[in-house]
PDB file of N, CA and C in Angstrom:
ATOM      1  N   MET A   1       0.814  -1.185   0.000  1.00  0.00           N
ATOM      2  CA  MET A   1       0.000   0.000   0.000  1.00  0.00           C
ATOM      3  C   MET A   1       0.864   1.257   0.000  1.00  0.00           C
ATOM      4  N   GLU A   2       2.044   1.171   0.593  1.00  0.00           N
ATOM      5  CA  GLU A   2       2.915   2.346   0.606  1.00  0.00           C
ATOM      6  C   GLU A   2       3.323   2.743  -0.803  1.00  0.00           C
ATOM      7  N   LEU A   3       3.566   1.753  -1.652  1.00  0.00           N
ATOM      8  CA  LEU A   3       3.905   2.046  -3.044  1.00  0.00           C
ATOM      9  C   LEU A   3       2.734   2.758  -3.717  1.00  0.00           C
ATOM     10  N   GLY A   4       1.533   2.258  -3.529  1.00  0.00           N
ATOM     11  CA  GLY A   4       0.341   2.890  -4.098  1.00  0.00           C
ATOM     12  C   GLY A   4       0.154   4.306  -3.591  1.00  0.00           C
ATOM     13  N   GLN A   5       0.390   4.520  -2.298  1.00  0.00           N
ATOM     14  CA  GLN A   5       0.255   5.865  -1.735  1.00  0.00           C
ATOM     15  C   GLN A   5       1.294   6.812  -2.323  1.00  0.00           C
ATOM     16  N   ALA A   6       2.510   6.319  -2.529  1.00  0.00           N
ATOM     17  CA  ALA A   6       3.556   7.150  -3.144  1.00  0.00           C
ATOM     18  C   ALA A   6       3.175   7.500  -4.579  1.00  0.00           C
ATOM     19  N   MET A   7       2.656   6.522  -5.325  1.00  0.00           N
ATOM     20  CA  MET A   7       2.231   6.795  -6.703  1.00  0.00           C
ATOM     21  C   MET A   7       1.119   7.836  -6.726  1.00  0.00           C
ATOM     22  N   ARG A   8       0.219   7.762  -5.777  1.00  0.00           N
ATOM     23  CA  ARG A   8      -0.881   8.727  -5.709  1.00  0.00           C
ATOM     24  C   ARG A   8      -0.332  10.132  -5.430  1.00  0.00           C
ATOM     25  N   ARG A   9       0.590  10.228  -4.478  1.00  0.00           N
ATOM     26  CA  ARG A   9       1.175  11.546  -4.154  1.00  0.00           C
ATOM     27  C   ARG A   9       1.884  12.146  -5.360  1.00  0.00           C
ATOM     28  N   LEU A  10       2.523  11.305  -6.173  1.00  0.00           N
ATOM     29  CA  LEU A  10       3.256  11.780  -7.346  1.00  0.00           C
ATOM     30  C   LEU A  10       2.360  11.982  -8.563  1.00  0.00           C
ATOM     31  N   GLY A  11       1.084  11.612  -8.450  1.00  0.00           N
ATOM     32  CA  GLY A  11       0.143  11.793  -9.552  1.00  0.00           C
ATOM     33  C   GLY A  11       0.409  10.854 -10.720  1.00  0.00           C
ATOM     34  N   MET A  12       0.950   9.693 -10.439  1.00  0.00           N
ATOM     35  CA  MET A  12       1.344   8.761 -11.496  1.00  0.00           C
ATOM     36  C   MET A  12       0.156   8.038 -12.123  1.00  0.00           C
ATOM     37  N   ALA A  13       0.298   7.740 -13.390  1.00  0.00           N
ATOM     38  CA  ALA A  13      -0.642   6.859 -14.086  1.00  0.00           C
ATOM     39  C   ALA A  13      -0.073   5.445 -13.983  1.00  0.00           C
ATOM     40  N   VAL A  14      -0.955   4.461 -13.909  1.00  0.00           N
ATOM     41  CA  VAL A  14      -0.540   3.072 -13.785  1.00  0.00           C
ATOM     42  C   VAL A  14      -1.172   2.289 -14.932  1.00  0.00           C
ATOM     43  N   VAL A  15      -0.350   1.522 -15.643  1.00  0.00           N
ATOM     44  CA  VAL A  15      -0.824   0.723 -16.771  1.00  0.00           C
ATOM     45  C   VAL A  15      -0.486  -0.739 -16.493  1.00  0.00           C
ATOM     46  N   VAL A  16      -1.473  -1.611 -16.623  1.00  0.00           N
ATOM     47  CA  VAL A  16      -1.229  -3.045 -16.463  1.00  0.00           C
ATOM     48  C   VAL A  16      -0.784  -3.577 -17.823  1.00  0.00           C
ATOM     49  N   ALA A  17       0.510  -3.541 -18.044  1.00  0.00           N
ATOM     50  CA  ALA A  17       1.114  -3.991 -19.294  1.00  0.00           C
ATOM     51  C   ALA A  17       2.605  -4.163 -19.040  1.00  0.00           C
ATOM     52  N   ARG A  18       3.292  -4.726 -20.006  1.00  0.00           N
ATOM     53  CA  ARG A  18       4.735  -4.899 -19.869  1.00  0.00           C
ATOM     54  C   ARG A  18       5.400  -4.531 -21.190  1.00  0.00           C
ATOM     55  N   PRO A  19       6.638  -4.048 -21.123  1.00  0.00           N
ATOM     56  CA  PRO A  19       7.327  -3.692 -22.368  1.00  0.00           C
ATOM     57  C   PRO A  19       7.865  -4.944 -23.063  1.00  0.00           C
ATOM     58  N   ALA A  20       7.845  -4.911 -24.374  1.00  0.00           N
ATOM     59  CA  ALA A  20       8.403  -6.006 -25.173  1.00  0.00           C
ATOM     60  C   ALA A  20       8.932  -5.417 -26.474  1.00  0.00           C
ATOM     61  N   ALA A  21      10.003  -5.996 -26.965  1.00  0.00           N
ATOM     62  CA  ALA A  21      10.584  -5.534 -28.229  1.00  0.00           C
ATOM     63  C   ALA A  21       9.641  -5.883 -29.378  1.00  0.00           C
ATOM     64  N   GLU A  22       9.450  -4.912 -30.275  1.00  0.00           N
ATOM     65  CA  GLU A  22       8.637  -5.180 -31.469  1.00  0.00           C
ATOM     66  C   GLU A  22       9.423  -6.092 -32.389  1.00  0.00           C
ATOM     67  N   GLN A  23       8.746  -7.044 -32.989  1.00  0.00           N
ATOM     68  CA  GLN A  23       9.391  -8.012 -33.871  1.00  0.00           C
ATOM     69  C   GLN A  23      10.098  -7.300 -35.029  1.00  0.00           C
ATOM     70  N   GLY A  24      11.360  -7.618 -35.221  1.00  0.00           N
ATOM     71  CA  GLY A  24      12.132  -7.069 -36.327  1.00  0.00           C
ATOM     72  C   GLY A  24      12.485  -5.598 -36.149  1.00  0.00           C
ATOM     73  N   SER A  25      12.440  -5.088 -34.915  1.00  0.00           N
ATOM     74  CA  SER A  25      12.697  -3.676 -34.675  1.00  0.00           C
ATOM     75  C   SER A  25      13.394  -3.507 -33.331  1.00  0.00           C
ATOM     76  N   GLN A  26      13.983  -2.345 -33.139  1.00  0.00           N
ATOM     77  CA  GLN A  26      14.569  -2.035 -31.829  1.00  0.00           C
ATOM     78  C   GLN A  26      13.580  -1.266 -30.962  1.00  0.00           C
ATOM     79  N   ASN A  27      12.392  -1.015 -31.477  1.00  0.00           N
ATOM     80  CA  ASN A  27      11.371  -0.286 -30.726  1.00  0.00           C
ATOM     81  C   ASN A  27      10.730  -1.181 -29.674  1.00  0.00           C
ATOM     82  N   MET A  28      10.223  -0.543 -28.650  1.00  0.00           N
ATOM     83  CA  MET A  28       9.518  -1.254 -27.581  1.00  0.00           C
ATOM     84  C   MET A  28       8.027  -0.960 -27.696  1.00  0.00           C
ATOM     85  N   ALA A  29       7.223  -1.919 -27.319  1.00  0.00           N
ATOM     86  CA  ALA A  29       5.770  -1.766 -27.318  1.00  0.00           C
ATOM     87  C   ALA A  29       5.242  -2.303 -25.998  1.00  0.00           C
ATOM     88  N   LEU A  30       4.052  -1.885 -25.624  1.00  0.00           N
ATOM     89  CA  LEU A  30       3.403  -2.435 -24.445  1.00  0.00           C
ATOM     90  C   LEU A  30       2.519  -3.594 -24.866  1.00  0.00           C
ATOM     91  N   VAL A  31       2.663  -4.710 -24.166  1.00  0.00           N
ATOM     92  CA  VAL A  31       1.841  -5.886 -24.438  1.00  0.00           C
ATOM     93  C   VAL A  31       1.114  -6.277 -23.154  1.00  0.00           C
ATOM     94  N   SER A  32       0.208  -7.224 -23.258  1.00  0.00           N
ATOM     95  CA  SER A  32      -0.625  -7.593 -22.117  1.00  0.00           C
ATOM     96  C   SER A  32       0.205  -7.864 -20.866  1.00  0.00           C
ATOM     97  N   GLY A  33      -0.377  -7.515 -19.739  1.00  0.00           N
ATOM     98  CA  GLY A  33       0.278  -7.724 -18.453  1.00  0.00           C
ATOM     99  C   GLY A  33      -0.687  -8.352 -17.466  1.00  0.00           C
ATOM    100  N   ARG A  34      -0.170  -8.654 -16.285  1.00  0.00           N
ATOM    101  CA  ARG A  34      -0.985  -9.247 -15.227  1.00  0.00           C
ATOM    102  C   ARG A  34      -0.749  -8.495 -13.933  1.00  0.00           C
ATOM    103  N   CYS A  35      -1.788  -8.311 -13.173  1.00  0.00           N
ATOM    104  CA  CYS A  35      -1.698  -7.672 -11.858  1.00  0.00           C
ATOM    105  C   CYS A  35      -2.556  -8.496 -10.910  1.00  0.00           C
ATOM    106  N   TYR A  36      -1.914  -9.310 -10.093  1.00  0.00           N
ATOM    107  CA  TYR A  36      -2.622 -10.187  -9.164  1.00  0.00           C
ATOM    108  C   TYR A  36      -2.170  -9.908  -7.741  1.00  0.00           C
ATOM    109  N   SER A  37      -2.992 -10.294  -6.818  1.00  0.00           N
ATOM    110  CA  SER A  37      -2.661 -10.281  -5.400  1.00  0.00           C
ATOM    111  C   SER A  37      -2.287  -8.871  -4.926  1.00  0.00           C
ATOM    112  N   ALA A  38      -1.126  -8.708  -4.317  1.00  0.00           N
ATOM    113  CA  ALA A  38      -0.744  -7.418  -3.734  1.00  0.00           C
ATOM    114  C   ALA A  38      -0.527  -6.334  -4.783  1.00  0.00           C
ATOM    115  N   CYS A  39      -0.301  -6.705  -6.022  1.00  0.00           N
ATOM    116  CA  CYS A  39      -0.145  -5.726  -7.100  1.00  0.00           C
ATOM    117  C   CYS A  39      -1.346  -4.791  -7.173  1.00  0.00           C
ATOM    118  N   VAL A  40      -2.507  -5.311  -6.830  1.00  0.00           N
ATOM    119  CA  VAL A  40      -3.738  -4.526  -6.906  1.00  0.00           C
ATOM    120  C   VAL A  40      -3.658  -3.294  -6.006  1.00  0.00           C
ATOM    121  N   TYR A  41      -2.973  -3.402  -4.863  1.00  0.00           N
ATOM    122  CA  TYR A  41      -2.843  -2.240  -3.971  1.00  0.00           C
ATOM    123  C   TYR A  41      -2.022  -1.134  -4.620  1.00  0.00           C
ATOM    124  N   ALA A  42      -1.008  -1.487  -5.373  1.00  0.00           N
ATOM    125  CA  ALA A  42      -0.238  -0.487  -6.111  1.00  0.00           C
ATOM    126  C   ALA A  42      -1.099   0.096  -7.230  1.00  0.00           C
ATOM    127  N   LEU A  43      -1.826  -0.754  -7.944  1.00  0.00           N
ATOM    128  CA  LEU A  43      -2.706  -0.303  -9.019  1.00  0.00           C
ATOM    129  C   LEU A  43      -3.731   0.697  -8.497  1.00  0.00           C
ATOM    130  N   MET A  44      -4.297   0.424  -7.333  1.00  0.00           N
ATOM    131  CA  MET A  44      -5.299   1.322  -6.754  1.00  0.00           C
ATOM    132  C   MET A  44      -4.732   2.712  -6.476  1.00  0.00           C
ATOM    133  N   GLY A  45      -3.424   2.798  -6.250  1.00  0.00           N
ATOM    134  CA  GLY A  45      -2.822   4.077  -5.930  1.00  0.00           C
ATOM    135  C   GLY A  45      -2.644   5.000  -7.113  1.00  0.00           C
ATOM    136  N   GLY A  46      -2.692   4.475  -8.310  1.00  0.00           N
ATOM    137  CA  GLY A  46      -2.468   5.296  -9.493  1.00  0.00           C
ATOM    138  C   GLY A  46      -3.506   6.398  -9.643  1.00  0.00           C
ATOM    139  N   LYS A  47      -3.064   7.578 -10.004  1.00  0.00           N
ATOM    140  CA  LYS A  47      -3.985   8.694 -10.239  1.00  0.00           C
ATOM    141  C   LYS A  47      -4.916   8.352 -11.397  1.00  0.00           C
ATOM    142  N   LYS A  48      -4.363   7.742 -12.423  1.00  0.00           N
ATOM    143  CA  LYS A  48      -5.151   7.209 -13.536  1.00  0.00           C
ATOM    144  C   LYS A  48      -4.733   5.763 -13.701  1.00  0.00           C
ATOM    145  N   ARG A  49      -5.717   4.896 -13.832  1.00  0.00           N
ATOM    146  CA  ARG A  49      -5.444   3.469 -13.962  1.00  0.00           C
ATOM    147  C   ARG A  49      -5.913   2.994 -15.333  1.00  0.00           C
ATOM    148  N   VAL A  50      -5.035   2.296 -16.048  1.00  0.00           N
ATOM    149  CA  VAL A  50      -5.363   1.806 -17.383  1.00  0.00           C
ATOM    150  C   VAL A  50      -5.151   0.293 -17.394  1.00  0.00           C
ATOM    151  N   ILE A  51      -6.206  -0.423 -17.774  1.00  0.00           N
ATOM    152  CA  ILE A  51      -6.128  -1.875 -17.888  1.00  0.00           C
ATOM    153  C   ILE A  51      -6.579  -2.235 -19.305  1.00  0.00           C
ATOM    154  N   PRO A  52      -5.621  -2.422 -20.216  1.00  0.00           N
ATOM    155  CA  PRO A  52      -5.992  -2.790 -21.580  1.00  0.00           C
ATOM    156  C   PRO A  52      -6.816  -4.083 -21.587  1.00  0.00           C
ATOM    157  N   PRO A  53      -7.676  -4.258 -22.588  1.00  0.00           N
ATOM    158  CA  PRO A  53      -8.554  -5.437 -22.626  1.00  0.00           C
ATOM    159  C   PRO A  53      -7.818  -6.776 -22.549  1.00  0.00           C
ATOM    160  N   GLN A  54      -6.615  -6.853 -23.095  1.00  0.00           N
ATOM    161  CA  GLN A  54      -5.886  -8.118 -23.095  1.00  0.00           C
ATOM    162  C   GLN A  54      -5.150  -8.378 -21.775  1.00  0.00           C
ATOM    163  N   SER A  55      -5.062  -7.376 -20.902  1.00  0.00           N
ATOM    164  CA  SER A  55      -4.392  -7.542 -19.609  1.00  0.00           C
ATOM    165  C   SER A  55      -5.366  -8.116 -18.587  1.00  0.00           C
ATOM    166  N   ARG A  56      -4.833  -8.627 -17.496  1.00  0.00           N
ATOM    167  CA  ARG A  56      -5.653  -9.266 -16.475  1.00  0.00           C
ATOM    168  C   ARG A  56      -5.336  -8.702 -15.093  1.00  0.00           C
ATOM    169  N   VAL A  57      -6.388  -8.507 -14.298  1.00  0.00           N
ATOM    170  CA  VAL A  57      -6.258  -8.076 -12.906  1.00  0.00           C
ATOM    171  C   VAL A  57      -7.012  -9.099 -12.065  1.00  0.00           C
ATOM    172  N   GLY A  58      -6.384  -9.573 -11.008  1.00  0.00           N
ATOM    173  CA  GLY A  58      -7.011 -10.582 -10.159  1.00  0.00           C
ATOM    174  C   GLY A  58      -7.018 -10.156  -8.708  1.00  0.00           C
ATOM    175  N   ILE A  59      -8.154 -10.322  -8.085  1.00  0.00           N
ATOM    176  CA  ILE A  59      -8.326  -9.974  -6.669  1.00  0.00           C
ATOM    177  C   ILE A  59      -8.803 -11.235  -5.951  1.00  0.00           C
ATOM    178  N   HIS A  60      -8.258 -11.480  -4.791  1.00  0.00           N
ATOM    179  CA  HIS A  60      -8.694 -12.641  -4.019  1.00  0.00           C
ATOM    180  C   HIS A  60      -8.940 -12.227  -2.579  1.00  0.00           C
ATOM    181  N   ARG A  61      -9.591 -13.082  -1.866  1.00  0.00           N
ATOM    182  CA  ARG A  61      -9.873 -12.831  -0.459  1.00  0.00           C
ATOM    183  C   ARG A  61      -8.585 -13.003   0.332  1.00  0.00           C
ATOM    184  N   MET A  62      -8.366 -12.100   1.270  1.00  0.00           N
ATOM    185  CA  MET A  62      -7.173 -12.160   2.099  1.00  0.00           C
ATOM    186  C   MET A  62      -7.317 -13.272   3.133  1.00  0.00           C
ATOM    187  N   PHE A  63      -6.245 -13.973   3.389  1.00  0.00           N
ATOM    188  CA  PHE A  63      -6.277 -15.068   4.358  1.00  0.00           C
ATOM    189  C   PHE A  63      -4.963 -15.100   5.101  1.00  0.00           C
ATOM    190  N   ASN A  64      -5.030 -15.278   6.416  1.00  0.00           N
ATOM    191  CA  ASN A  64      -3.841 -15.327   7.250  1.00  0.00           C
ATOM    192  C   ASN A  64      -3.829 -16.673   7.977  1.00  0.00           C
ATOM    193  N   TYR A  65      -2.871 -17.526   7.681  1.00  0.00           N
ATOM    194  CA  TYR A  65      -2.804 -18.848   8.293  1.00  0.00           C
ATOM    195  C   TYR A  65      -2.577 -18.780   9.796  1.00  0.00           C
ATOM    196  N   ARG A  66      -1.871 -17.785  10.242  1.00  0.00           N
ATOM    197  CA  ARG A  66      -1.537 -17.686  11.671  1.00  0.00           C
ATOM    198  C   ARG A  66      -2.610 -16.978  12.487  1.00  0.00           C
ATOM    199  N   ARG A  67      -3.534 -16.336  11.800  1.00  0.00           N
ATOM    200  CA  ARG A  67      -4.596 -15.582  12.493  1.00  0.00           C
ATOM    201  C   ARG A  67      -3.993 -14.595  13.491  1.00  0.00           C
ATOM    202  N   ALA A  68      -3.090 -13.785  13.012  1.00  0.00           N
ATOM    203  CA  ALA A  68      -2.423 -12.780  13.841  1.00  0.00           C
ATOM    204  C   ALA A  68      -3.442 -11.821  14.434  1.00  0.00           C
ATOM    205  N   ALA A  69      -3.077 -11.181  15.513  1.00  0.00           N
ATOM    206  CA  ALA A  69      -3.988 -10.275  16.212  1.00  0.00           C
ATOM    207  C   ALA A  69      -4.504  -9.179  15.294  1.00  0.00           C
ATOM    208  N   LEU A  70      -3.644  -8.662  14.424  1.00  0.00           N
ATOM    209  CA  LEU A  70      -4.059  -7.599  13.513  1.00  0.00           C
ATOM    210  C   LEU A  70      -5.188  -8.077  12.616  1.00  0.00           C
ATOM    211  N   SER A  71      -5.054  -9.279  12.081  1.00  0.00           N
ATOM    212  CA  SER A  71      -6.068  -9.820  11.193  1.00  0.00           C
ATOM    213  C   SER A  71      -7.311 -10.238  11.965  1.00  0.00           C
ATOM    214  N   ALA A  72      -7.121 -10.926  13.077  1.00  0.00           N
ATOM    215  CA  ALA A  72      -8.240 -11.443  13.854  1.00  0.00           C
ATOM    216  C   ALA A  72      -9.104 -10.316  14.412  1.00  0.00           C
ATOM    217  N   SER A  73      -8.499  -9.188  14.715  1.00  0.00           N
ATOM    218  CA  SER A  73      -9.250  -8.084  15.299  1.00  0.00           C
ATOM    219  C   SER A  73     -10.015  -7.290  14.246  1.00  0.00           C
ATOM    220  N   GLY A  74      -9.739  -7.544  12.990  1.00  0.00           N
ATOM    221  CA  GLY A  74     -10.406  -6.798  11.929  1.00  0.00           C
ATOM    222  C   GLY A  74      -9.690  -5.502  11.581  1.00  0.00           C
ATOM    223  N   LYS A  75      -8.592  -5.194  12.264  1.00  0.00           N
ATOM    224  CA  LYS A  75      -7.866  -3.943  12.004  1.00  0.00           C
ATOM    225  C   LYS A  75      -7.292  -3.914  10.596  1.00  0.00           C
ATOM    226  N   LEU A  76      -6.768  -5.048  10.143  1.00  0.00           N
ATOM    227  CA  LEU A  76      -6.192  -5.099   8.803  1.00  0.00           C
ATOM    228  C   LEU A  76      -7.279  -4.884   7.761  1.00  0.00           C
ATOM    229  N   ARG A  77      -8.415  -5.551   7.923  1.00  0.00           N
ATOM    230  CA  ARG A  77      -9.522  -5.392   6.979  1.00  0.00           C
ATOM    231  C   ARG A  77      -9.993  -3.935   6.943  1.00  0.00           C
ATOM    232  N   ALA A  78     -10.082  -3.302   8.108  1.00  0.00           N
ATOM    233  CA  ALA A  78     -10.512  -1.901   8.167  1.00  0.00           C
ATOM    234  C   ALA A  78      -9.502  -0.992   7.474  1.00  0.00           C
ATOM    235  N   MET A  79      -8.216  -1.258   7.675  1.00  0.00           N
ATOM    236  CA  MET A  79      -7.173  -0.446   7.047  1.00  0.00           C
ATOM    237  C   MET A  79      -7.248  -0.583   5.521  1.00  0.00           C
ATOM    238  N   LEU A  80      -7.438  -1.803   5.018  1.00  0.00           N
ATOM    239  CA  LEU A  80      -7.548  -2.015   3.578  1.00  0.00           C
ATOM    240  C   LEU A  80      -8.805  -1.354   3.014  1.00  0.00           C
ATOM    241  N   ALA A  81      -9.889  -1.396   3.760  1.00  0.00           N
ATOM    242  CA  ALA A  81     -11.131  -0.764   3.304  1.00  0.00           C
ATOM    243  C   ALA A  81     -10.951   0.751   3.202  1.00  0.00           C
ATOM    244  N   ARG A  82     -10.274   1.364   4.182  1.00  0.00           N
ATOM    245  CA  ARG A  82     -10.014   2.814   4.121  1.00  0.00           C
ATOM    246  C   ARG A  82      -9.164   3.158   2.910  1.00  0.00           C
ATOM    247  N   TYR A  83      -8.141   2.343   2.643  1.00  0.00           N
ATOM    248  CA  TYR A  83      -7.267   2.567   1.492  1.00  0.00           C
ATOM    249  C   TYR A  83      -8.059   2.470   0.191  1.00  0.00           C
ATOM    250  N   ALA A  84      -8.904   1.458   0.086  1.00  0.00           N
ATOM    251  CA  ALA A  84      -9.713   1.279  -1.129  1.00  0.00           C
ATOM    252  C   ALA A  84     -10.670   2.443  -1.322  1.00  0.00           C
ATOM    253  N   ARG A  85     -11.323   2.884  -0.251  1.00  0.00           N
ATOM    254  CA  ARG A  85     -12.255   4.015  -0.361  1.00  0.00           C
ATOM    255  C   ARG A  85     -11.520   5.288  -0.765  1.00  0.00           C
ATOM    256  N   ALA A  86     -10.339   5.524  -0.178  1.00  0.00           N
ATOM    257  CA  ALA A  86      -9.563   6.725  -0.516  1.00  0.00           C
ATOM    258  C   ALA A  86      -9.140   6.684  -1.981  1.00  0.00           C
ATOM    259  N   SER A  87      -8.737   5.519  -2.467  1.00  0.00           N
ATOM    260  CA  SER A  87      -8.327   5.396  -3.863  1.00  0.00           C
ATOM    261  C   SER A  87      -9.496   5.594  -4.796  1.00  0.00           C
ATOM    262  N   ALA A  88     -10.640   5.056  -4.442  1.00  0.00           N
ATOM    263  CA  ALA A  88     -11.826   5.169  -5.295  1.00  0.00           C
ATOM    264  C   ALA A  88     -12.372   6.586  -5.308  1.00  0.00           C
ATOM    265  N   SER A  89     -12.381   7.244  -4.179  1.00  0.00           N
ATOM    266  CA  SER A  89     -12.987   8.576  -4.112  1.00  0.00           C
ATOM    267  C   SER A  89     -12.142   9.642  -4.798  1.00  0.00           C
ATOM    268  N   SER A  90     -10.840   9.399  -4.939  1.00  0.00           N
ATOM    269  CA  SER A  90      -9.995  10.405  -5.571  1.00  0.00           C
ATOM    270  C   SER A  90      -9.669  10.067  -7.013  1.00  0.00           C
ATOM    271  N   ALA A  91     -10.288   9.021  -7.537  1.00  0.00           N
ATOM    272  CA  ALA A  91     -10.023   8.624  -8.928  1.00  0.00           C
ATOM    273  C   ALA A  91     -10.879   9.445  -9.873  1.00  0.00           C
ATOM    274  N   PRO A  92     -10.382   9.740 -11.056  1.00  0.00           N
ATOM    275  CA  PRO A  92     -11.201  10.433 -12.048  1.00  0.00           C
ATOM    276  C   PRO A  92     -12.355   9.530 -12.473  1.00  0.00           C
ATOM    277  N   PRO A  93     -13.489  10.106 -12.869  1.00  0.00           N
ATOM    278  CA  PRO A  93     -14.663   9.298 -13.211  1.00  0.00           C
ATOM    279  C   PRO A  93     -14.411   8.273 -14.305  1.00  0.00           C
ATOM    280  N   ASP A  94     -13.504   8.545 -15.217  1.00  0.00           N
ATOM    281  CA  ASP A  94     -13.282   7.605 -16.333  1.00  0.00           C
ATOM    282  C   ASP A  94     -12.172   6.606 -16.044  1.00  0.00           C
ATOM    283  N   ALA A  95     -11.686   6.551 -14.810  1.00  0.00           N
ATOM    284  CA  ALA A  95     -10.609   5.617 -14.487  1.00  0.00           C
ATOM    285  C   ALA A  95     -11.093   4.199 -14.681  1.00  0.00           C
ATOM    286  N   THR A  96     -10.210   3.368 -15.183  1.00  0.00           N
ATOM    287  CA  THR A  96     -10.552   1.982 -15.455  1.00  0.00           C
ATOM    288  C   THR A  96     -10.205   1.130 -14.259  1.00  0.00           C
TER     289      THR A  96
END
């Protein structure tokens, strides 16, 4: 989440894609990418978020095998919910 917060402070755009060399050229192009698990927290921090149709974003339910006090008390869930709400409320209406 700290990475996402830093990206938000810097006004960065975030694109779910990866660079790849164009065939037969020295130019680079963006091709499909993946953003799963904790990557989503960084993605949420972007001032503008772009997810091309061929890219994939995956979200799963958080689970802690040790049931640490932070998780068991609901503090972690509350902290993540605040982060998600802050990211959503400050996003431009057309953000993907």
